[in-house]
Amino acid sequence: MSAPRSSFDFAPGAIERHKVGLLGTPAQRRELKRWLLPSLAFTVVVGLCALAVGVIAGRFFP
């Protein structure tokens, strides 16, 4: 005979008061670092292209 199941199903770490940091677990931080540089580079490239298009459009279509 097994012990009766609790009617409460807590999340892992909830009972021990485990708190995850602002940037998550170490695995989540590694994943964030892995995506951060390419997304930043893409944002800069798109911004510079938009700036160039705006300058060109401003010169030819005043």
PDB file of N, CA and C in Angstrom:
ATOM      1  N   MET A   1       0.845  -1.175   0.000  1.00  0.00           N
ATOM      2  CA  MET A   1       0.000   0.000   0.000  1.00  0.00           C
ATOM      3  C   MET A   1       0.892   1.241   0.000  1.00  0.00           C
ATOM      4  N   SER A   2       0.614   2.142  -0.901  1.00  0.00           N
ATOM      5  CA  SER A   2       1.441   3.347  -1.001  1.00  0.00           C
ATOM      6  C   SER A   2       0.806   4.488  -0.208  1.00  0.00           C
ATOM      7  N   ALA A   3       1.628   5.482   0.030  1.00  0.00           N
ATOM      8  CA  ALA A   3       1.144   6.650   0.767  1.00  0.00           C
ATOM      9  C   ALA A   3       0.144   7.412  -0.098  1.00  0.00           C
ATOM     10  N   PRO A   4      -0.833   8.032   0.526  1.00  0.00           N
ATOM     11  CA  PRO A   4      -1.814   8.792  -0.267  1.00  0.00           C
ATOM     12  C   PRO A   4      -1.144   9.982  -0.953  1.00  0.00           C
ATOM     13  N   ARG A   5      -1.576  10.230  -2.160  1.00  0.00           N
ATOM     14  CA  ARG A   5      -1.026  11.367  -2.909  1.00  0.00           C
ATOM     15  C   ARG A   5      -1.518  12.677  -2.317  1.00  0.00           C
ATOM     16  N   SER A   6      -0.646  13.635  -2.346  1.00  0.00           N
ATOM     17  CA  SER A   6      -1.021  14.963  -1.871  1.00  0.00           C
ATOM     18  C   SER A   6      -1.955  15.602  -2.892  1.00  0.00           C
ATOM     19  N   SER A   7      -2.852  16.419  -2.424  1.00  0.00           N
ATOM     20  CA  SER A   7      -3.744  17.098  -3.356  1.00  0.00           C
ATOM     21  C   SER A   7      -3.075  18.331  -3.964  1.00  0.00           C
ATOM     22  N   PHE A   8      -1.864  18.643  -3.495  1.00  0.00           N
ATOM     23  CA  PHE A   8      -1.127  19.790  -4.022  1.00  0.00           C
ATOM     24  C   PHE A   8       0.050  19.300  -4.848  1.00  0.00           C
ATOM     25  N   ASP A   9       0.192  19.796  -6.043  1.00  0.00           N
ATOM     26  CA  ASP A   9       1.354  19.491  -6.878  1.00  0.00           C
ATOM     27  C   ASP A   9       2.150  20.778  -7.032  1.00  0.00           C
ATOM     28  N   PHE A  10       3.225  20.873  -6.292  1.00  0.00           N
ATOM     29  CA  PHE A  10       4.042  22.076  -6.326  1.00  0.00           C
ATOM     30  C   PHE A  10       5.043  22.013  -7.473  1.00  0.00           C
ATOM     31  N   ALA A  11       5.420  23.164  -7.956  1.00  0.00           N
ATOM     32  CA  ALA A  11       6.474  23.246  -8.964  1.00  0.00           C
ATOM     33  C   ALA A  11       7.801  22.880  -8.317  1.00  0.00           C
ATOM     34  N   PRO A  12       8.750  22.371  -9.099  1.00  0.00           N
ATOM     35  CA  PRO A  12      10.049  22.029  -8.521  1.00  0.00           C
ATOM     36  C   PRO A  12      10.696  23.244  -7.862  1.00  0.00           C
ATOM     37  N   GLY A  13      11.135  23.086  -6.646  1.00  0.00           N
ATOM     38  CA  GLY A  13      11.782  24.177  -5.930  1.00  0.00           C
ATOM     39  C   GLY A  13      10.832  25.082  -5.177  1.00  0.00           C
ATOM     40  N   ALA A  14       9.531  24.896  -5.319  1.00  0.00           N
ATOM     41  CA  ALA A  14       8.579  25.796  -4.671  1.00  0.00           C
ATOM     42  C   ALA A  14       8.611  25.634  -3.159  1.00  0.00           C
ATOM     43  N   ILE A  15       8.767  24.414  -2.707  1.00  0.00           N
ATOM     44  CA  ILE A  15       8.763  24.176  -1.267  1.00  0.00           C
ATOM     45  C   ILE A  15      10.054  24.683  -0.640  1.00  0.00           C
ATOM     46  N   GLU A  16      11.171  24.509  -1.352  1.00  0.00           N
ATOM     47  CA  GLU A  16      12.463  24.934  -0.812  1.00  0.00           C
ATOM     48  C   GLU A  16      12.698  26.431  -0.979  1.00  0.00           C
ATOM     49  N   ARG A  17      11.755  27.133  -1.554  1.00  0.00           N
ATOM     50  CA  ARG A  17      11.858  28.564  -1.822  1.00  0.00           C
ATOM     51  C   ARG A  17      13.021  28.881  -2.765  1.00  0.00           C
ATOM     52  N   HIS A  18      13.199  28.024  -3.750  1.00  0.00           N
ATOM     53  CA  HIS A  18      14.254  28.232  -4.743  1.00  0.00           C
ATOM     54  C   HIS A  18      13.832  29.361  -5.666  1.00  0.00           C
ATOM     55  N   LYS A  19      14.686  30.349  -5.816  1.00  0.00           N
ATOM     56  CA  LYS A  19      14.366  31.468  -6.695  1.00  0.00           C
ATOM     57  C   LYS A  19      15.365  31.505  -7.841  1.00  0.00           C
ATOM     58  N   VAL A  20      14.850  31.679  -9.029  1.00  0.00           N
ATOM     59  CA  VAL A  20      15.703  31.806 -10.206  1.00  0.00           C
ATOM     60  C   VAL A  20      16.049  33.279 -10.349  1.00  0.00           C
ATOM     61  N   GLY A  21      17.280  33.560 -10.733  1.00  0.00           N
ATOM     62  CA  GLY A  21      17.732  34.937 -10.884  1.00  0.00           C
ATOM     63  C   GLY A  21      17.006  35.670 -11.993  1.00  0.00           C
ATOM     64  N   LEU A  22      17.332  36.936 -12.144  1.00  0.00           N
ATOM     65  CA  LEU A  22      16.671  37.795 -13.120  1.00  0.00           C
ATOM     66  C   LEU A  22      16.829  37.262 -14.543  1.00  0.00           C
ATOM     67  N   LEU A  23      18.004  36.752 -14.875  1.00  0.00           N
ATOM     68  CA  LEU A  23      18.243  36.254 -16.228  1.00  0.00           C
ATOM     69  C   LEU A  23      18.062  34.749 -16.339  1.00  0.00           C
ATOM     70  N   GLY A  24      17.459  34.130 -15.364  1.00  0.00           N
ATOM     71  CA  GLY A  24      17.148  32.713 -15.444  1.00  0.00           C
ATOM     72  C   GLY A  24      18.253  31.815 -14.934  1.00  0.00           C
ATOM     73  N   THR A  25      18.155  30.571 -15.330  1.00  0.00           N
ATOM     74  CA  THR A  25      19.126  29.566 -14.912  1.00  0.00           C
ATOM     75  C   THR A  25      20.407  29.721 -15.728  1.00  0.00           C
ATOM     76  N   PRO A  26      21.492  29.074 -15.314  1.00  0.00           N
ATOM     77  CA  PRO A  26      22.724  29.164 -16.106  1.00  0.00           C
ATOM     78  C   PRO A  26      22.537  28.726 -17.562  1.00  0.00           C
ATOM     79  N   ALA A  27      21.728  27.705 -17.796  1.00  0.00           N
ATOM     80  CA  ALA A  27      21.484  27.263 -19.175  1.00  0.00           C
ATOM     81  C   ALA A  27      20.742  28.336 -19.970  1.00  0.00           C
ATOM     82  N   GLN A  28      19.802  29.010 -19.319  1.00  0.00           N
ATOM     83  CA  GLN A  28      19.065  30.074 -20.002  1.00  0.00           C
ATOM     84  C   GLN A  28      19.974  31.266 -20.284  1.00  0.00           C
ATOM     85  N   ARG A  29      20.899  31.554 -19.369  1.00  0.00           N
ATOM     86  CA  ARG A  29      21.847  32.651 -19.605  1.00  0.00           C
ATOM     87  C   ARG A  29      22.779  32.331 -20.768  1.00  0.00           C
ATOM     88  N   ARG A  30      23.227  31.082 -20.854  1.00  0.00           N
ATOM     89  CA  ARG A  30      24.081  30.689 -21.984  1.00  0.00           C
ATOM     90  C   ARG A  30      23.331  30.840 -23.299  1.00  0.00           C
ATOM     91  N   GLU A  31      22.077  30.433 -23.311  1.00  0.00           N
ATOM     92  CA  GLU A  31      21.269  30.557 -24.524  1.00  0.00           C
ATOM     93  C   GLU A  31      21.049  32.028 -24.876  1.00  0.00           C
ATOM     94  N   LEU A  32      20.849  32.861 -23.876  1.00  0.00           N
ATOM     95  CA  LEU A  32      20.678  34.295 -24.109  1.00  0.00           C
ATOM     96  C   LEU A  32      21.933  34.891 -24.732  1.00  0.00           C
ATOM     97  N   LYS A  33      23.101  34.517 -24.214  1.00  0.00           N
ATOM     98  CA  LYS A  33      24.361  35.011 -24.780  1.00  0.00           C
ATOM     99  C   LYS A  33      24.545  34.530 -26.211  1.00  0.00           C
ATOM    100  N   ARG A  34      24.108  33.303 -26.470  1.00  0.00           N
ATOM    101  CA  ARG A  34      24.269  32.740 -27.807  1.00  0.00           C
ATOM    102  C   ARG A  34      23.439  33.506 -28.839  1.00  0.00           C
ATOM    103  N   TRP A  35      22.277  33.997 -28.443  1.00  0.00           N
ATOM    104  CA  TRP A  35      21.399  34.722 -29.360  1.00  0.00           C
ATOM    105  C   TRP A  35      21.629  36.227 -29.360  1.00  0.00           C
ATOM    106  N   LEU A  36      22.275  36.749 -28.334  1.00  0.00           N
ATOM    107  CA  LEU A  36      22.381  38.197 -28.181  1.00  0.00           C
ATOM    108  C   LEU A  36      23.209  38.853 -29.282  1.00  0.00           C
ATOM    109  N   LEU A  37      24.403  38.342 -29.564  1.00  0.00           N
ATOM    110  CA  LEU A  37      25.281  38.970 -30.551  1.00  0.00           C
ATOM    111  C   LEU A  37      24.690  38.949 -31.959  1.00  0.00           C
ATOM    112  N   PRO A  38      24.194  37.819 -32.461  1.00  0.00           N
ATOM    113  CA  PRO A  38      23.597  37.849 -33.803  1.00  0.00           C
ATOM    114  C   PRO A  38      22.383  38.772 -33.901  1.00  0.00           C
ATOM    115  N   SER A  39      21.559  38.810 -32.873  1.00  0.00           N
ATOM    116  CA  SER A  39      20.379  39.678 -32.945  1.00  0.00           C
ATOM    117  C   SER A  39      20.770  41.146 -32.875  1.00  0.00           C
ATOM    118  N   LEU A  40      21.795  41.453 -32.099  1.00  0.00           N
ATOM    119  CA  LEU A  40      22.286  42.830 -32.047  1.00  0.00           C
ATOM    120  C   LEU A  40      22.878  43.234 -33.388  1.00  0.00           C
ATOM    121  N   ALA A  41      23.663  42.359 -33.999  1.00  0.00           N
ATOM    122  CA  ALA A  41      24.258  42.650 -35.302  1.00  0.00           C
ATOM    123  C   ALA A  41      23.167  42.860 -36.353  1.00  0.00           C
ATOM    124  N   PHE A  42      22.143  42.029 -36.335  1.00  0.00           N
ATOM    125  CA  PHE A  42      21.042  42.172 -37.285  1.00  0.00           C
ATOM    126  C   PHE A  42      20.332  43.509 -37.097  1.00  0.00           C
ATOM    127  N   THR A  43      20.109  43.897 -35.855  1.00  0.00           N
ATOM    128  CA  THR A  43      19.447  45.170 -35.570  1.00  0.00           C
ATOM    129  C   THR A  43      20.272  46.347 -36.075  1.00  0.00           C
ATOM    130  N   VAL A  44      21.579  46.294 -35.878  1.00  0.00           N
ATOM    131  CA  VAL A  44      22.455  47.373 -36.344  1.00  0.00           C
ATOM    132  C   VAL A  44      22.446  47.444 -37.867  1.00  0.00           C
ATOM    133  N   VAL A  45      22.525  46.304 -38.539  1.00  0.00           N
ATOM    134  CA  VAL A  45      22.521  46.290 -40.007  1.00  0.00           C
ATOM    135  C   VAL A  45      21.213  46.849 -40.550  1.00  0.00           C
ATOM    136  N   VAL A  46      20.099  46.431 -39.992  1.00  0.00           N
ATOM    137  CA  VAL A  46      18.796  46.932 -40.455  1.00  0.00           C
ATOM    138  C   VAL A  46      18.684  48.434 -40.202  1.00  0.00           C
ATOM    139  N   GLY A  47      19.155  48.896 -39.054  1.00  0.00           N
ATOM    140  CA  GLY A  47      19.112  50.327 -38.751  1.00  0.00           C
ATOM    141  C   GLY A  47      19.967  51.147 -39.699  1.00  0.00           C
ATOM    142  N   LEU A  48      21.164  50.654 -40.002  1.00  0.00           N
ATOM    143  CA  LEU A  48      22.036  51.384 -40.931  1.00  0.00           C
ATOM    144  C   LEU A  48      21.464  51.391 -42.345  1.00  0.00           C
ATOM    145  N   CYS A  49      20.866  50.288 -42.760  1.00  0.00           N
ATOM    146  CA  CYS A  49      20.218  50.254 -44.079  1.00  0.00           C
ATOM    147  C   CYS A  49      19.050  51.236 -44.137  1.00  0.00           C
ATOM    148  N   ALA A  50      18.275  51.294 -43.093  1.00  0.00           N
ATOM    149  CA  ALA A  50      17.151  52.233 -43.057  1.00  0.00           C
ATOM    150  C   ALA A  50      17.650  53.671 -43.085  1.00  0.00           C
ATOM    151  N   LEU A  51      18.729  53.942 -42.372  1.00  0.00           N
ATOM    152  CA  LEU A  51      19.311  55.284 -42.388  1.00  0.00           C
ATOM    153  C   LEU A  51      19.805  55.634 -43.785  1.00  0.00           C
ATOM    154  N   ALA A  52      20.486  54.696 -44.445  1.00  0.00           N
ATOM    155  CA  ALA A  52      20.988  54.944 -45.797  1.00  0.00           C
ATOM    156  C   ALA A  52      19.842  55.195 -46.774  1.00  0.00           C
ATOM    157  N   VAL A  53      18.793  54.406 -46.683  1.00  0.00           N
ATOM    158  CA  VAL A  53      17.634  54.606 -47.561  1.00  0.00           C
ATOM    159  C   VAL A  53      17.003  55.967 -47.294  1.00  0.00           C
ATOM    160  N   GLY A  54      16.919  56.370 -46.044  1.00  0.00           N
ATOM    161  CA  GLY A  54      16.359  57.679 -45.715  1.00  0.00           C
ATOM    162  C   GLY A  54      17.196  58.819 -46.259  1.00  0.00           C
ATOM    163  N   VAL A  55      18.507  58.695 -46.167  1.00  0.00           N
ATOM    164  CA  VAL A  55      19.394  59.743 -46.696  1.00  0.00           C
ATOM    165  C   VAL A  55      19.280  59.812 -48.212  1.00  0.00           C
ATOM    166  N   ILE A  56      19.285  58.653 -48.872  1.00  0.00           N
ATOM    167  CA  ILE A  56      19.170  58.630 -50.334  1.00  0.00           C
ATOM    168  C   ILE A  56      17.826  59.195 -50.768  1.00  0.00           C
ATOM    169  N   ALA A  57      16.765  58.803 -50.112  1.00  0.00           N
ATOM    170  CA  ALA A  57      15.434  59.305 -50.468  1.00  0.00           C
ATOM    171  C   ALA A  57      15.338  60.803 -50.221  1.00  0.00           C
ATOM    172  N   GLY A  58      15.995  61.293 -49.196  1.00  0.00           N
ATOM    173  CA  GLY A  58      15.968  62.723 -48.902  1.00  0.00           C
ATOM    174  C   GLY A  58      16.723  63.550 -49.924  1.00  0.00           C
ATOM    175  N   ARG A  59      17.761  62.961 -50.520  1.00  0.00           N
ATOM    176  CA  ARG A  59      18.536  63.690 -51.528  1.00  0.00           C
ATOM    177  C   ARG A  59      17.816  63.752 -52.861  1.00  0.00           C
ATOM    178  N   PHE A  60      17.207  62.647 -53.255  1.00  0.00           N
ATOM    179  CA  PHE A  60      16.603  62.591 -54.578  1.00  0.00           C
ATOM    180  C   PHE A  60      15.143  63.025 -54.601  1.00  0.00           C
ATOM    181  N   PHE A  61      14.483  62.978 -53.472  1.00  0.00           N
ATOM    182  CA  PHE A  61      13.072  63.371 -53.408  1.00  0.00           C
ATOM    183  C   PHE A  61      12.876  64.371 -52.272  1.00  0.00           C
ATOM    184  N   PRO A  62      13.343  65.612 -52.480  1.00  0.00           N
ATOM    185  CA  PRO A  62      13.247  66.591 -51.372  1.00  0.00           C
ATOM    186  C   PRO A  62      11.849  67.068 -51.084  1.00  0.00           C
TER     187      PRO A  62
END
